[in-house]
């Protein structure tokens, strides 16, 4: 619906866990027009999570500060 394929979602869930993947997608939704390719962005974050160089915590905190 927002341009995230089932494959990207399943890979994110397998890599990050379903809770962190859902938190990441919620953040992508909140940032809306700032992200031109939500599916590509999720894939990039999933690759970073494989490193492990990604946690959704800082993304959530940035949204809270912006609000």
N, C-alpha and C. Protein backbone atom coordinates (compact mmCIF):
# COMPACT_ATOMS: atom_id res chain seq x y z
N UNK A 1 0.81 -1.19 0.00
CA UNK A 1 0.00 0.00 0.00
C UNK A 1 0.87 1.27 0.00
N UNK A 2 1.99 1.21 0.70
CA UNK A 2 2.87 2.38 0.70
C UNK A 2 4.14 2.14 -0.11
N UNK A 3 4.19 1.02 -0.80
CA UNK A 3 5.35 0.74 -1.65
C UNK A 3 6.38 -0.18 -1.02
N UNK A 4 5.98 -0.93 -0.01
CA UNK A 4 6.87 -1.91 0.60
C UNK A 4 6.40 -3.29 0.17
N UNK A 5 7.27 -4.01 -0.52
CA UNK A 5 6.89 -5.33 -1.03
C UNK A 5 6.85 -6.33 0.13
N UNK A 6 6.14 -7.43 -0.12
CA UNK A 6 6.06 -8.49 0.88
C UNK A 6 7.46 -9.05 1.16
N UNK A 7 8.28 -9.14 0.13
CA UNK A 7 9.64 -9.65 0.30
C UNK A 7 10.45 -8.73 1.23
N UNK A 8 10.36 -7.42 1.02
CA UNK A 8 11.08 -6.48 1.87
C UNK A 8 10.59 -6.58 3.31
N UNK A 9 9.30 -6.71 3.49
CA UNK A 9 8.72 -6.83 4.83
C UNK A 9 9.20 -8.11 5.52
N UNK A 10 9.14 -9.24 4.81
CA UNK A 10 9.54 -10.52 5.40
C UNK A 10 11.03 -10.52 5.76
N UNK A 11 11.85 -9.93 4.91
CA UNK A 11 13.28 -9.86 5.20
C UNK A 11 13.54 -8.98 6.43
N UNK A 12 12.82 -7.85 6.51
CA UNK A 12 12.97 -6.98 7.67
C UNK A 12 12.57 -7.72 8.95
N UNK A 13 11.47 -8.45 8.90
CA UNK A 13 11.02 -9.21 10.07
C UNK A 13 12.04 -10.27 10.47
N UNK A 14 12.60 -10.96 9.47
CA UNK A 14 13.58 -12.00 9.76
C UNK A 14 14.87 -11.41 10.34
N UNK A 15 15.24 -10.23 9.89
CA UNK A 15 16.49 -9.61 10.32
C UNK A 15 16.34 -8.87 11.63
N UNK A 16 15.30 -8.04 11.74
CA UNK A 16 15.13 -7.17 12.91
C UNK A 16 14.24 -7.77 13.98
N UNK A 17 13.41 -8.70 13.57
CA UNK A 17 12.34 -9.18 14.44
C UNK A 17 11.08 -8.42 14.10
N UNK A 18 9.92 -9.02 14.29
CA UNK A 18 8.67 -8.38 13.87
C UNK A 18 8.36 -7.06 14.58
N UNK A 19 8.73 -6.95 15.86
CA UNK A 19 8.43 -5.72 16.59
C UNK A 19 9.26 -4.55 16.07
N UNK A 20 10.56 -4.76 15.87
CA UNK A 20 11.40 -3.68 15.36
C UNK A 20 11.07 -3.35 13.91
N UNK A 21 10.71 -4.36 13.12
CA UNK A 21 10.32 -4.10 11.74
C UNK A 21 9.04 -3.26 11.71
N UNK A 22 8.09 -3.58 12.56
CA UNK A 22 6.84 -2.81 12.62
C UNK A 22 7.11 -1.39 13.09
N UNK A 23 7.98 -1.22 14.07
CA UNK A 23 8.34 0.12 14.55
C UNK A 23 8.99 0.92 13.43
N UNK A 24 9.85 0.28 12.66
CA UNK A 24 10.52 0.94 11.55
C UNK A 24 9.53 1.38 10.49
N UNK A 25 8.58 0.51 10.15
CA UNK A 25 7.56 0.87 9.15
C UNK A 25 6.67 2.00 9.68
N UNK A 26 6.34 1.96 10.97
CA UNK A 26 5.54 3.04 11.55
C UNK A 26 6.29 4.37 11.44
N UNK A 27 7.59 4.34 11.66
CA UNK A 27 8.39 5.55 11.50
C UNK A 27 8.40 6.02 10.05
N UNK A 28 8.52 5.09 9.14
CA UNK A 28 8.48 5.44 7.71
C UNK A 28 7.14 6.10 7.38
N UNK A 29 6.06 5.57 7.92
CA UNK A 29 4.73 6.16 7.69
C UNK A 29 4.65 7.57 8.27
N UNK A 30 5.20 7.76 9.45
CA UNK A 30 5.15 9.08 10.09
C UNK A 30 5.93 10.12 9.30
N UNK A 31 7.01 9.69 8.69
CA UNK A 31 7.84 10.62 7.94
C UNK A 31 7.29 10.88 6.55
N UNK A 32 6.33 10.08 6.12
CA UNK A 32 5.57 10.27 4.89
C UNK A 32 6.34 10.81 3.70
N UNK A 33 6.05 12.04 3.30
CA UNK A 33 6.62 12.58 2.06
C UNK A 33 8.13 12.80 2.12
N UNK A 34 8.74 12.72 3.30
CA UNK A 34 10.19 12.87 3.40
C UNK A 34 10.93 11.67 2.80
N UNK A 35 10.24 10.54 2.68
CA UNK A 35 10.85 9.32 2.16
C UNK A 35 10.20 9.01 0.81
N UNK A 36 10.99 9.11 -0.24
CA UNK A 36 10.44 8.93 -1.59
C UNK A 36 10.23 7.47 -1.95
N UNK A 37 11.02 6.56 -1.40
CA UNK A 37 10.88 5.14 -1.71
C UNK A 37 10.87 4.34 -0.40
N UNK A 38 9.69 4.18 0.20
CA UNK A 38 9.61 3.47 1.48
C UNK A 38 10.18 2.05 1.41
N UNK A 39 9.92 1.35 0.32
CA UNK A 39 10.44 -0.01 0.19
C UNK A 39 11.95 -0.04 0.12
N UNK A 40 12.51 0.86 -0.65
CA UNK A 40 13.96 0.95 -0.75
C UNK A 40 14.59 1.36 0.58
N UNK A 41 13.93 2.27 1.27
CA UNK A 41 14.43 2.72 2.57
C UNK A 41 14.40 1.57 3.58
N UNK A 42 13.32 0.80 3.58
CA UNK A 42 13.23 -0.34 4.49
C UNK A 42 14.32 -1.36 4.16
N UNK A 43 14.55 -1.61 2.89
CA UNK A 43 15.61 -2.55 2.50
C UNK A 43 16.98 -2.04 2.96
N UNK A 44 17.23 -0.75 2.82
CA UNK A 44 18.51 -0.18 3.25
C UNK A 44 18.68 -0.32 4.76
N UNK A 45 17.62 -0.05 5.52
CA UNK A 45 17.69 -0.19 6.97
C UNK A 45 17.86 -1.66 7.37
N UNK A 46 17.26 -2.56 6.62
CA UNK A 46 17.41 -3.99 6.88
C UNK A 46 18.86 -4.41 6.67
N UNK A 47 19.49 -3.90 5.61
CA UNK A 47 20.91 -4.20 5.39
C UNK A 47 21.76 -3.67 6.53
N UNK A 48 21.43 -2.48 7.03
CA UNK A 48 22.17 -1.93 8.17
C UNK A 48 21.96 -2.77 9.42
N UNK A 49 20.75 -3.31 9.59
CA UNK A 49 20.45 -4.15 10.75
C UNK A 49 21.22 -5.45 10.70
N UNK A 50 21.54 -5.92 9.50
CA UNK A 50 22.32 -7.14 9.36
C UNK A 50 23.75 -6.92 9.85
N UNK A 51 24.23 -5.69 9.87
CA UNK A 51 25.64 -5.38 10.17
C UNK A 51 26.08 -5.63 11.61
N UNK A 52 25.48 -5.41 12.66
CA UNK A 52 24.29 -4.65 13.04
C UNK A 52 24.63 -3.17 13.29
N UNK A 53 24.12 -2.34 12.45
CA UNK A 53 24.38 -0.91 12.58
C UNK A 53 23.08 -0.11 12.60
N UNK A 54 21.99 -0.74 13.00
CA UNK A 54 20.70 -0.05 12.99
C UNK A 54 19.88 -0.47 14.20
N UNK A 55 19.21 0.52 14.77
CA UNK A 55 18.22 0.30 15.81
C UNK A 55 17.13 1.35 15.58
N UNK A 56 15.86 0.97 15.69
CA UNK A 56 14.80 1.95 15.46
C UNK A 56 14.66 2.97 16.58
N UNK A 57 15.31 2.75 17.70
CA UNK A 57 15.19 3.67 18.83
C UNK A 57 15.51 5.13 18.49
N UNK A 58 16.65 5.40 17.86
CA UNK A 58 16.95 6.79 17.51
C UNK A 58 15.93 7.41 16.55
N UNK A 59 15.37 6.60 15.66
CA UNK A 59 14.35 7.11 14.73
C UNK A 59 13.12 7.55 15.51
N UNK A 60 12.71 6.75 16.46
CA UNK A 60 11.53 7.07 17.27
C UNK A 60 11.79 8.32 18.11
N UNK A 61 12.96 8.40 18.70
CA UNK A 61 13.29 9.58 19.51
C UNK A 61 13.30 10.85 18.67
N UNK A 62 13.79 10.77 17.43
CA UNK A 62 13.79 11.95 16.55
C UNK A 62 12.36 12.38 16.25
N UNK A 63 11.46 11.43 16.05
CA UNK A 63 10.05 11.79 15.81
C UNK A 63 9.45 12.46 17.05
N UNK A 64 9.77 11.96 18.23
CA UNK A 64 9.25 12.55 19.45
C UNK A 64 9.77 13.96 19.65
N UNK A 65 11.04 14.20 19.35
CA UNK A 65 11.59 15.54 19.47
C UNK A 65 10.95 16.49 18.47
N UNK A 66 10.65 16.00 17.28
CA UNK A 66 10.05 16.84 16.24
C UNK A 66 8.62 17.23 16.61
N UNK A 67 7.94 16.35 17.34
CA UNK A 67 6.55 16.62 17.73
C UNK A 67 6.55 17.63 18.83
